[in-house]
Amino acid sequence: MSYLVFKLKKKLEFRINLALLIPNKIANKKISAIKSLGIMYGKEKKEISNFFSISGNLRKGILFKGDLTKCDFIGNQMKSGKIIVQGDVGDYLGNKMKGGKIIVNGSSSNYTGSSLKNGEIIITKNTGDFLGSSIKGEKLGMCGGAIIIKGNAGNRVGYKMRSGIICIKKNAKDFVGCQMIAGTIIIKGKIGSNVGLLMKRGTIILEKQKLSESYLNYSGKNNYIFLKVIQNCLEKLNDEFKDIFPNTYIKKYLGDINCKGMGEILILN
């Protein structure tokens, strides 16, 4: 078996922090040593083996199996390697991740890719609020890397985002790009209200949306050929971006004008 497999033994009553289980931290550990790693469960410290059966090897990466909705900080500060999850996951997936790749064949909860610095996160279903955002006490959100959500996203996508790419294949809720400083957000479905609120710079690309926010300044229609340059770069990153911009005719808005922002919101026709 080419993956080190962690299979959840039973349904969790309390939340657990799995920040210890990243490829670059356990690369030189034997399975016996990994099984004895301690994590907090409620008010008690318990060994990983109380929750997971562990088998295989780390040649290709880590594979989690089970309902991990109460498992937080998977891939925390990960520098390299690969993590695959067969099931749903909890909060702070890929928090401060610096490299490598995480694939969740399911949904993730809140703060996915928070303060992401580099690497790639792919969620095959949905995610919660604060995707690619900053967490409490942090000034900056996502600062690099790429996040792809094949389903829907919650509120405040890209909150305080500084750099990188977020692509959502379906819908997102309110406050997309709120306080965004730079970076690119692509949403193929519908969005909620207050897009680009307090946005300074960066690019938000939407499809066939009608915007009525008073803090956005309509800048006219254009054939934005540069989108094809962006598409070519994105296709090299991941096949999910293939033909993501079928045309380059857009409506352009600038804002947030209330904070002298020069962020751009492009509406594909």
C-alpha atoms as a PDB file:
ATOM      1  CA  MET A   1       0.000   0.000   0.000  1.00  0.00           C
ATOM      2  CA  SER A   2       1.504   3.351  -1.060  1.00  0.00           C
ATOM      3  CA  TYR A   3      -0.429   5.585   1.346  1.00  0.00           C
ATOM      4  CA  LEU A   4      -0.260   5.758   5.111  1.00  0.00           C
ATOM      5  CA  VAL A   5      -3.930   5.099   5.912  1.00  0.00           C
ATOM      6  CA  PHE A   6      -5.704   6.500   8.966  1.00  0.00           C
ATOM      7  CA  LYS A   7      -9.155   4.914   9.272  1.00  0.00           C
ATOM      8  CA  LEU A   8     -11.489   6.374  11.900  1.00  0.00           C
ATOM      9  CA  LYS A   9     -12.598   3.648  14.323  1.00  0.00           C
ATOM     10  CA  LYS A  10     -15.713   5.273  15.796  1.00  0.00           C
ATOM     11  CA  LYS A  11     -17.860   8.385  15.759  1.00  0.00           C
ATOM     12  CA  LEU A  12     -16.262  11.226  17.708  1.00  0.00           C
ATOM     13  CA  GLU A  13     -18.021  12.935  20.601  1.00  0.00           C
ATOM     14  CA  PHE A  14     -15.497  15.778  20.951  1.00  0.00           C
ATOM     15  CA  ARG A  15     -13.430  17.668  18.382  1.00  0.00           C
ATOM     16  CA  ILE A  16      -9.802  16.685  17.844  1.00  0.00           C
ATOM     17  CA  ASN A  17      -6.828  18.563  16.421  1.00  0.00           C
ATOM     18  CA  LEU A  18      -4.895  16.589  13.779  1.00  0.00           C
ATOM     19  CA  ALA A  19      -2.164  19.179  13.138  1.00  0.00           C
ATOM     20  CA  LEU A  20       0.500  16.590  14.039  1.00  0.00           C
ATOM     21  CA  LEU A  21      -0.437  14.309  11.144  1.00  0.00           C
ATOM     22  CA  ILE A  22       1.223  15.920   8.136  1.00  0.00           C
ATOM     23  CA  PRO A  23       3.746  14.175   5.832  1.00  0.00           C
ATOM     24  CA  ASN A  24       6.765  16.347   6.677  1.00  0.00           C
ATOM     25  CA  LYS A  25       6.247  15.850  10.440  1.00  0.00           C
ATOM     26  CA  ILE A  26       5.842  12.065  10.485  1.00  0.00           C
ATOM     27  CA  ALA A  27       8.077  11.133   7.528  1.00  0.00           C
ATOM     28  CA  ASN A  28      10.760   9.519   9.697  1.00  0.00           C
ATOM     29  CA  LYS A  29       8.482   7.973  12.314  1.00  0.00           C
ATOM     30  CA  LYS A  30       7.624   4.286  12.588  1.00  0.00           C
ATOM     31  CA  ILE A  31       3.937   3.319  12.750  1.00  0.00           C
ATOM     32  CA  SER A  32       4.371   2.392  16.430  1.00  0.00           C
ATOM     33  CA  ALA A  33       5.588   5.918  17.176  1.00  0.00           C
ATOM     34  CA  ILE A  34       2.736   7.489  15.189  1.00  0.00           C
ATOM     35  CA  LYS A  35       0.172   5.395  17.065  1.00  0.00           C
ATOM     36  CA  SER A  36       1.459   6.729  20.366  1.00  0.00           C
ATOM     37  CA  LEU A  37       1.268  10.417  19.412  1.00  0.00           C
ATOM     38  CA  GLY A  38      -0.864  12.266  21.942  1.00  0.00           C
ATOM     39  CA  ILE A  39      -3.813  14.555  21.177  1.00  0.00           C
ATOM     40  CA  MET A  40      -6.420  16.197  23.405  1.00  0.00           C
ATOM     41  CA  TYR A  41      -9.899  14.666  23.460  1.00  0.00           C
ATOM     42  CA  GLY A  42     -12.190  16.703  25.663  1.00  0.00           C
ATOM     43  CA  LYS A  43     -10.109  17.288  28.799  1.00  0.00           C
ATOM     44  CA  GLU A  44      -8.014  14.143  28.383  1.00  0.00           C
ATOM     45  CA  LYS A  45      -4.877  13.422  26.400  1.00  0.00           C
ATOM     46  CA  LYS A  46      -5.154  10.241  24.364  1.00  0.00           C
ATOM     47  CA  GLU A  47      -3.103   8.410  21.775  1.00  0.00           C
ATOM     48  CA  ILE A  48      -3.918   8.582  18.055  1.00  0.00           C
ATOM     49  CA  SER A  49      -4.452   4.806  18.072  1.00  0.00           C
ATOM     50  CA  ASN A  50      -7.563   5.320  20.227  1.00  0.00           C
ATOM     51  CA  PHE A  51      -9.252   6.923  17.233  1.00  0.00           C
ATOM     52  CA  PHE A  52      -7.601   5.545  14.100  1.00  0.00           C
ATOM     53  CA  SER A  53      -6.381   2.214  12.792  1.00  0.00           C
ATOM     54  CA  ILE A  54      -3.117   2.879  10.928  1.00  0.00           C
ATOM     55  CA  SER A  55      -1.616   0.880   8.071  1.00  0.00           C
ATOM     56  CA  GLY A  56       0.487   1.215   4.927  1.00  0.00           C
ATOM     57  CA  ASN A  57       3.405   3.544   4.274  1.00  0.00           C
ATOM     58  CA  LEU A  58       4.014   7.178   3.464  1.00  0.00           C
ATOM     59  CA  ARG A  59       5.397   6.688  -0.060  1.00  0.00           C
ATOM     60  CA  LYS A  60       2.586   8.622  -1.794  1.00  0.00           C
ATOM     61  CA  GLY A  61       1.166  10.487   1.185  1.00  0.00           C
ATOM     62  CA  ILE A  62      -1.524  10.251   3.872  1.00  0.00           C
ATOM     63  CA  LEU A  63      -5.030   8.874   3.336  1.00  0.00           C
ATOM     64  CA  PHE A  64      -7.770   9.567   5.893  1.00  0.00           C
ATOM     65  CA  LYS A  65     -10.975   7.516   5.842  1.00  0.00           C
ATOM     66  CA  GLY A  66     -14.210   8.183   7.707  1.00  0.00           C
ATOM     67  CA  ASP A  67     -16.430  11.024   8.894  1.00  0.00           C
ATOM     68  CA  LEU A  68     -13.853  13.588  10.015  1.00  0.00           C
ATOM     69  CA  THR A  69     -16.258  16.509  10.532  1.00  0.00           C
ATOM     70  CA  LYS A  70     -14.965  16.833  14.106  1.00  0.00           C
ATOM     71  CA  CYS A  71     -11.321  16.647  13.031  1.00  0.00           C
ATOM     72  CA  ASP A  72      -9.741  20.105  12.723  1.00  0.00           C
ATOM     73  CA  PHE A  73      -6.401  21.445  11.419  1.00  0.00           C
ATOM     74  CA  ILE A  74      -5.793  18.627   8.918  1.00  0.00           C
ATOM     75  CA  GLY A  75      -2.741  19.685   6.880  1.00  0.00           C
ATOM     76  CA  ASN A  76      -1.891  22.506   9.301  1.00  0.00           C
ATOM     77  CA  GLN A  77       1.347  24.263   8.212  1.00  0.00           C
ATOM     78  CA  MET A  78       2.027  21.404   5.794  1.00  0.00           C
ATOM     79  CA  LYS A  79       5.207  22.009   3.752  1.00  0.00           C
ATOM     80  CA  SER A  80       5.196  19.140   1.255  1.00  0.00           C
ATOM     81  CA  GLY A  81       3.577  15.829   0.352  1.00  0.00           C
ATOM     82  CA  LYS A  82      -0.018  14.845  -0.235  1.00  0.00           C
ATOM     83  CA  ILE A  83      -3.097  14.293   1.932  1.00  0.00           C
ATOM     84  CA  ILE A  84      -6.292  12.665   0.630  1.00  0.00           C
ATOM     85  CA  VAL A  85      -9.480  12.488   2.689  1.00  0.00           C
ATOM     86  CA  GLN A  86     -12.282  10.058   1.827  1.00  0.00           C
ATOM     87  CA  GLY A  87     -15.101  11.821   3.676  1.00  0.00           C
ATOM     88  CA  ASP A  88     -15.986  15.192   5.166  1.00  0.00           C
ATOM     89  CA  VAL A  89     -13.583  17.235   7.313  1.00  0.00           C
ATOM     90  CA  GLY A  90     -13.775  19.849  10.062  1.00  0.00           C
ATOM     91  CA  ASP A  91     -12.451  23.396  10.434  1.00  0.00           C
ATOM     92  CA  TYR A  92      -9.080  24.914   9.468  1.00  0.00           C
ATOM     93  CA  LEU A  93      -8.177  22.428   6.737  1.00  0.00           C
ATOM     94  CA  GLY A  94      -4.797  23.468   5.286  1.00  0.00           C
ATOM     95  CA  ASN A  95      -4.383  26.325   7.769  1.00  0.00           C
ATOM     96  CA  LYS A  96      -1.125  28.206   7.014  1.00  0.00           C
ATOM     97  CA  MET A  97      -0.196  25.492   4.529  1.00  0.00           C
ATOM     98  CA  LYS A  98       3.149  26.194   2.810  1.00  0.00           C
ATOM     99  CA  GLY A  99       3.239  23.498   0.132  1.00  0.00           C
ATOM    100  CA  GLY A 100       1.947  20.124  -1.014  1.00  0.00           C
ATOM    101  CA  LYS A 101      -1.555  19.096  -1.989  1.00  0.00           C
ATOM    102  CA  ILE A 102      -4.775  18.250  -0.116  1.00  0.00           C
ATOM    103  CA  ILE A 103      -7.749  16.554  -1.795  1.00  0.00           C
ATOM    104  CA  VAL A 104     -11.010  16.103   0.104  1.00  0.00           C
ATOM    105  CA  ASN A 105     -13.475  13.729  -1.535  1.00  0.00           C
ATOM    106  CA  GLY A 106     -16.317  15.287   0.403  1.00  0.00           C
ATOM    107  CA  SER A 107     -17.016  18.641   2.077  1.00  0.00           C
ATOM    108  CA  SER A 108     -14.999  20.847   4.423  1.00  0.00           C
ATOM    109  CA  SER A 109     -16.218  23.089   7.240  1.00  0.00           C
ATOM    110  CA  ASN A 110     -15.181  26.677   8.079  1.00  0.00           C
ATOM    111  CA  TYR A 111     -11.815  28.384   7.529  1.00  0.00           C
ATOM    112  CA  THR A 112     -10.591  26.050   4.779  1.00  0.00           C
ATOM    113  CA  GLY A 113      -7.232  27.308   3.480  1.00  0.00           C
ATOM    114  CA  SER A 114      -7.069  30.072   6.085  1.00  0.00           C
ATOM    115  CA  SER A 115      -3.839  32.071   5.739  1.00  0.00           C
ATOM    116  CA  LEU A 116      -2.732  29.643   3.000  1.00  0.00           C
ATOM    117  CA  LYS A 117       0.787  30.501   1.817  1.00  0.00           C
ATOM    118  CA  ASN A 118       1.351  27.961  -0.968  1.00  0.00           C
ATOM    119  CA  GLY A 119       0.188  24.552  -2.184  1.00  0.00           C
ATOM    120  CA  GLU A 120      -3.142  23.323  -3.509  1.00  0.00           C
ATOM    121  CA  ILE A 121      -6.458  22.367  -1.892  1.00  0.00           C
ATOM    122  CA  ILE A 122      -9.278  20.638  -3.802  1.00  0.00           C
ATOM    123  CA  ILE A 123     -12.729  20.024  -2.270  1.00  0.00           C
ATOM    124  CA  THR A 124     -15.025  17.858  -4.394  1.00  0.00           C
ATOM    125  CA  LYS A 125     -18.245  18.966  -2.661  1.00  0.00           C
ATOM    126  CA  ASN A 126     -18.941  22.057  -0.505  1.00  0.00           C
ATOM    127  CA  THR A 127     -17.155  24.250   2.017  1.00  0.00           C
ATOM    128  CA  GLY A 128     -18.256  26.531   4.856  1.00  0.00           C
ATOM    129  CA  ASP A 129     -17.546  30.168   5.753  1.00  0.00           C
ATOM    130  CA  PHE A 130     -14.249  32.085   5.595  1.00  0.00           C
ATOM    131  CA  LEU A 131     -12.660  30.150   2.725  1.00  0.00           C
ATOM    132  CA  GLY A 132      -9.079  31.381   2.132  1.00  0.00           C
ATOM    133  CA  SER A 133      -9.541  34.042   4.798  1.00  0.00           C
ATOM    134  CA  SER A 134      -7.643  35.219   7.836  1.00  0.00           C
ATOM    135  CA  ILE A 135      -8.407  33.699  11.216  1.00  0.00           C
ATOM    136  CA  LYS A 136      -9.000  35.614  14.443  1.00  0.00           C
ATOM    137  CA  GLY A 137      -5.916  37.601  15.382  1.00  0.00           C
ATOM    138  CA  GLU A 138      -4.375  37.429  11.895  1.00  0.00           C
ATOM    139  CA  LYS A 139      -4.150  40.511   9.660  1.00  0.00           C
ATOM    140  CA  LEU A 140      -3.851  38.658   6.350  1.00  0.00           C
ATOM    141  CA  GLY A 141      -5.814  35.858   4.773  1.00  0.00           C
ATOM    142  CA  MET A 142      -4.636  33.608   1.955  1.00  0.00           C
ATOM    143  CA  CYS A 143      -1.229  34.762   0.640  1.00  0.00           C
ATOM    144  CA  GLY A 144      -0.597  32.252  -2.179  1.00  0.00           C
ATOM    145  CA  GLY A 145      -1.476  28.851  -3.585  1.00  0.00           C
ATOM    146  CA  ALA A 146      -4.754  27.672  -5.075  1.00  0.00           C
ATOM    147  CA  ILE A 147      -8.105  26.457  -3.711  1.00  0.00           C
ATOM    148  CA  ILE A 148     -10.698  24.722  -5.902  1.00  0.00           C
ATOM    149  CA  ILE A 149     -14.217  24.069  -4.617  1.00  0.00           C
ATOM    150  CA  LYS A 150     -16.330  21.925  -6.935  1.00  0.00           C
ATOM    151  CA  GLY A 151     -19.531  22.662  -5.009  1.00  0.00           C
ATOM    152  CA  ASN A 152     -20.766  25.670  -3.008  1.00  0.00           C
ATOM    153  CA  ALA A 153     -19.050  27.995  -0.522  1.00  0.00           C
ATOM    154  CA  GLY A 154     -20.376  29.932   2.471  1.00  0.00           C
ATOM    155  CA  ASN A 155     -19.917  33.543   3.587  1.00  0.00           C
ATOM    156  CA  ARG A 156     -16.788  35.725   3.352  1.00  0.00           C
ATOM    157  CA  VAL A 157     -14.844  33.879   0.666  1.00  0.00           C
ATOM    158  CA  GLY A 158     -11.364  35.433   0.459  1.00  0.00           C
ATOM    159  CA  TYR A 159     -11.780  37.667   3.517  1.00  0.00           C
ATOM    160  CA  LYS A 160      -8.570  39.759   3.782  1.00  0.00           C
ATOM    161  CA  MET A 161      -7.077  37.722   0.927  1.00  0.00           C
ATOM    162  CA  ARG A 162      -3.570  38.915  -0.072  1.00  0.00           C
ATOM    163  CA  SER A 163      -2.637  36.650  -3.027  1.00  0.00           C
ATOM    164  CA  GLY A 164      -3.395  33.303  -4.695  1.00  0.00           C
ATOM    165  CA  ILE A 165      -6.378  31.852  -6.552  1.00  0.00           C
ATOM    166  CA  ILE A 166      -9.781  30.672  -5.340  1.00  0.00           C
ATOM    167  CA  CYS A 167     -12.135  28.952  -7.798  1.00  0.00           C
ATOM    168  CA  ILE A 168     -15.690  27.967  -6.850  1.00  0.00           C
ATOM    169  CA  LYS A 169     -17.549  25.901  -9.442  1.00  0.00           C
ATOM    170  CA  LYS A 170     -21.042  26.589  -8.033  1.00  0.00           C
ATOM    171  CA  ASN A 171     -22.413  29.250  -5.648  1.00  0.00           C
ATOM    172  CA  ALA A 172     -21.080  31.437  -2.825  1.00  0.00           C
ATOM    173  CA  LYS A 173     -22.969  33.384  -0.164  1.00  0.00           C
ATOM    174  CA  ASP A 174     -22.455  36.963   1.098  1.00  0.00           C
ATOM    175  CA  PHE A 175     -19.355  39.175   1.387  1.00  0.00           C
ATOM    176  CA  VAL A 176     -17.211  37.572  -1.338  1.00  0.00           C
ATOM    177  CA  GLY A 177     -13.823  39.335  -1.367  1.00  0.00           C
ATOM    178  CA  CYS A 178     -14.587  41.461   1.700  1.00  0.00           C
ATOM    179  CA  GLN A 179     -11.471  43.515   2.647  1.00  0.00           C
ATOM    180  CA  MET A 180      -9.594  41.773  -0.162  1.00  0.00           C
ATOM    181  CA  ILE A 181      -6.079  43.186  -0.715  1.00  0.00           C
ATOM    182  CA  ALA A 182      -5.012  41.204  -3.807  1.00  0.00           C
ATOM    183  CA  GLY A 183      -5.410  37.817  -5.496  1.00  0.00           C
ATOM    184  CA  THR A 184      -8.059  36.290  -7.759  1.00  0.00           C
ATOM    185  CA  ILE A 185     -11.481  34.812  -6.931  1.00  0.00           C
ATOM    186  CA  ILE A 186     -13.462  32.998  -9.643  1.00  0.00           C
ATOM    187  CA  ILE A 187     -17.093  32.004  -9.029  1.00  0.00           C
ATOM    188  CA  LYS A 188     -19.002  30.133 -11.719  1.00  0.00           C
ATOM    189  CA  GLY A 189     -22.404  30.147  -9.991  1.00  0.00           C
ATOM    190  CA  LYS A 190     -24.460  32.724  -8.097  1.00  0.00           C
ATOM    191  CA  ILE A 191     -23.329  34.943  -5.232  1.00  0.00           C
ATOM    192  CA  GLY A 192     -25.027  36.704  -2.322  1.00  0.00           C
ATOM    193  CA  SER A 193     -24.832  40.375  -1.355  1.00  0.00           C
ATOM    194  CA  ASN A 194     -22.007  42.809  -0.564  1.00  0.00           C
ATOM    195  CA  VAL A 195     -19.422  41.438  -3.001  1.00  0.00           C
ATOM    196  CA  GLY A 196     -16.103  43.336  -2.785  1.00  0.00           C
ATOM    197  CA  LEU A 197     -17.047  45.335   0.314  1.00  0.00           C
ATOM    198  CA  LEU A 198     -13.989  47.314   1.540  1.00  0.00           C
ATOM    199  CA  MET A 199     -11.952  45.712  -1.248  1.00  0.00           C
ATOM    200  CA  LYS A 200      -8.604  47.475  -1.903  1.00  0.00           C
ATOM    201  CA  ARG A 201      -7.254  45.536  -4.894  1.00  0.00           C
ATOM    202  CA  GLY A 202      -7.492  42.113  -6.501  1.00  0.00           C
ATOM    203  CA  THR A 203      -9.836  40.561  -9.057  1.00  0.00           C
ATOM    204  CA  ILE A 204     -13.218  38.875  -8.648  1.00  0.00           C
ATOM    205  CA  ILE A 205     -14.552  37.121 -11.768  1.00  0.00           C
ATOM    206  CA  LEU A 206     -18.262  36.258 -11.917  1.00  0.00           C
ATOM    207  CA  GLU A 207     -20.682  34.931 -14.517  1.00  0.00           C
ATOM    208  CA  LYS A 208     -23.878  36.741 -15.581  1.00  0.00           C
ATOM    209  CA  GLN A 209     -24.432  38.548 -12.279  1.00  0.00           C
ATOM    210  CA  LYS A 210     -26.375  41.769 -11.713  1.00  0.00           C
ATOM    211  CA  LEU A 211     -24.620  44.014  -9.201  1.00  0.00           C
ATOM    212  CA  SER A 212     -26.350  46.864  -7.364  1.00  0.00           C
ATOM    213  CA  GLU A 213     -23.827  47.638  -4.624  1.00  0.00           C
ATOM    214  CA  SER A 214     -23.507  51.436  -4.287  1.00  0.00           C
ATOM    215  CA  TYR A 215     -19.802  51.275  -3.428  1.00  0.00           C
ATOM    216  CA  LEU A 216     -18.909  49.802  -6.847  1.00  0.00           C
ATOM    217  CA  ASN A 217     -18.221  52.059  -9.814  1.00  0.00           C
ATOM    218  CA  TYR A 218     -19.317  50.731 -13.223  1.00  0.00           C
ATOM    219  CA  SER A 219     -16.393  51.019 -15.650  1.00  0.00           C
ATOM    220  CA  GLY A 220     -18.014  49.835 -18.886  1.00  0.00           C
ATOM    221  CA  LYS A 221     -17.851  46.835 -21.219  1.00  0.00           C
ATOM    222  CA  ASN A 222     -14.695  45.500 -22.811  1.00  0.00           C
ATOM    223  CA  ASN A 223     -13.101  42.573 -24.609  1.00  0.00           C
ATOM    224  CA  TYR A 224     -10.767  41.556 -21.778  1.00  0.00           C
ATOM    225  CA  ILE A 225      -8.335  39.394 -23.756  1.00  0.00           C
ATOM    226  CA  PHE A 226      -6.021  39.152 -20.729  1.00  0.00           C
ATOM    227  CA  LEU A 227      -8.451  36.550 -19.341  1.00  0.00           C
ATOM    228  CA  LYS A 228      -7.087  34.055 -21.862  1.00  0.00           C
ATOM    229  CA  VAL A 229      -3.572  34.679 -20.518  1.00  0.00           C
ATOM    230  CA  ILE A 230      -4.884  33.962 -17.007  1.00  0.00           C
ATOM    231  CA  GLN A 231      -6.665  30.847 -18.284  1.00  0.00           C
ATOM    232  CA  ASN A 232      -3.475  29.494 -19.887  1.00  0.00           C
ATOM    233  CA  CYS A 233      -1.577  29.936 -16.619  1.00  0.00           C
ATOM    234  CA  LEU A 234      -4.362  28.283 -14.609  1.00  0.00           C
ATOM    235  CA  GLU A 235      -4.611  25.299 -16.990  1.00  0.00           C
ATOM    236  CA  LYS A 236      -0.933  24.559 -16.326  1.00  0.00           C
ATOM    237  CA  LEU A 237      -1.708  24.543 -12.614  1.00  0.00           C
ATOM    238  CA  ASN A 238      -4.702  22.169 -12.752  1.00  0.00           C
ATOM    239  CA  ASP A 239      -6.964  20.609 -15.421  1.00  0.00           C
ATOM    240  CA  GLU A 240      -9.970  21.915 -13.463  1.00  0.00           C
ATOM    241  CA  PHE A 241      -9.283  25.325 -15.037  1.00  0.00           C
ATOM    242  CA  LYS A 242      -9.589  24.066 -18.631  1.00  0.00           C
ATOM    243  CA  ASP A 243     -11.711  26.496 -20.711  1.00  0.00           C
ATOM    244  CA  ILE A 244     -12.776  28.301 -17.541  1.00  0.00           C
ATOM    245  CA  PHE A 245     -13.308  31.534 -19.520  1.00  0.00           C
ATOM    246  CA  PRO A 246     -15.253  30.551 -22.676  1.00  0.00           C
ATOM    247  CA  ASN A 247     -15.398  34.192 -23.748  1.00  0.00           C
ATOM    248  CA  THR A 248     -13.572  37.400 -22.820  1.00  0.00           C
ATOM    249  CA  TYR A 249     -16.351  39.983 -23.100  1.00  0.00           C
ATOM    250  CA  ILE A 250     -16.948  41.479 -19.666  1.00  0.00           C
ATOM    251  CA  LYS A 251     -18.621  44.219 -17.669  1.00  0.00           C
ATOM    252  CA  LYS A 252     -16.171  45.834 -15.297  1.00  0.00           C
ATOM    253  CA  TYR A 253     -16.724  47.379 -11.861  1.00  0.00           C
ATOM    254  CA  LEU A 254     -14.153  49.068  -9.601  1.00  0.00           C
ATOM    255  CA  GLY A 255     -14.233  49.492  -5.833  1.00  0.00           C
ATOM    256  CA  ASP A 256     -14.722  49.760  -2.991  1.00  0.00           C
ATOM    257  CA  ILE A 257     -14.866  53.490  -3.839  1.00  0.00           C
ATOM    258  CA  ASN A 258     -15.645  54.328  -0.173  1.00  0.00           C
ATOM    259  CA  CYS A 259     -12.107  53.278   0.807  1.00  0.00           C
ATOM    260  CA  LYS A 260     -10.514  54.417  -2.474  1.00  0.00           C
ATOM    261  CA  GLY A 261     -10.193  50.794  -3.502  1.00  0.00           C
ATOM    262  CA  MET A 262      -9.086  49.805  -7.001  1.00  0.00           C
ATOM    263  CA  GLY A 263     -10.217  46.192  -6.937  1.00  0.00           C
ATOM    264  CA  GLU A 264     -11.906  44.956 -10.100  1.00  0.00           C
ATOM    265  CA  ILE A 265     -15.017  42.839 -10.451  1.00  0.00           C
ATOM    266  CA  LEU A 266     -15.424  41.328 -13.909  1.00  0.00           C
ATOM    267  CA  ILE A 267     -18.791  39.985 -15.066  1.00  0.00           C
ATOM    268  CA  LEU A 268     -18.551  37.507 -17.933  1.00  0.00           C
ATOM    269  CA  ASN A 269     -21.398  37.854 -20.417  1.00  0.00           C
END
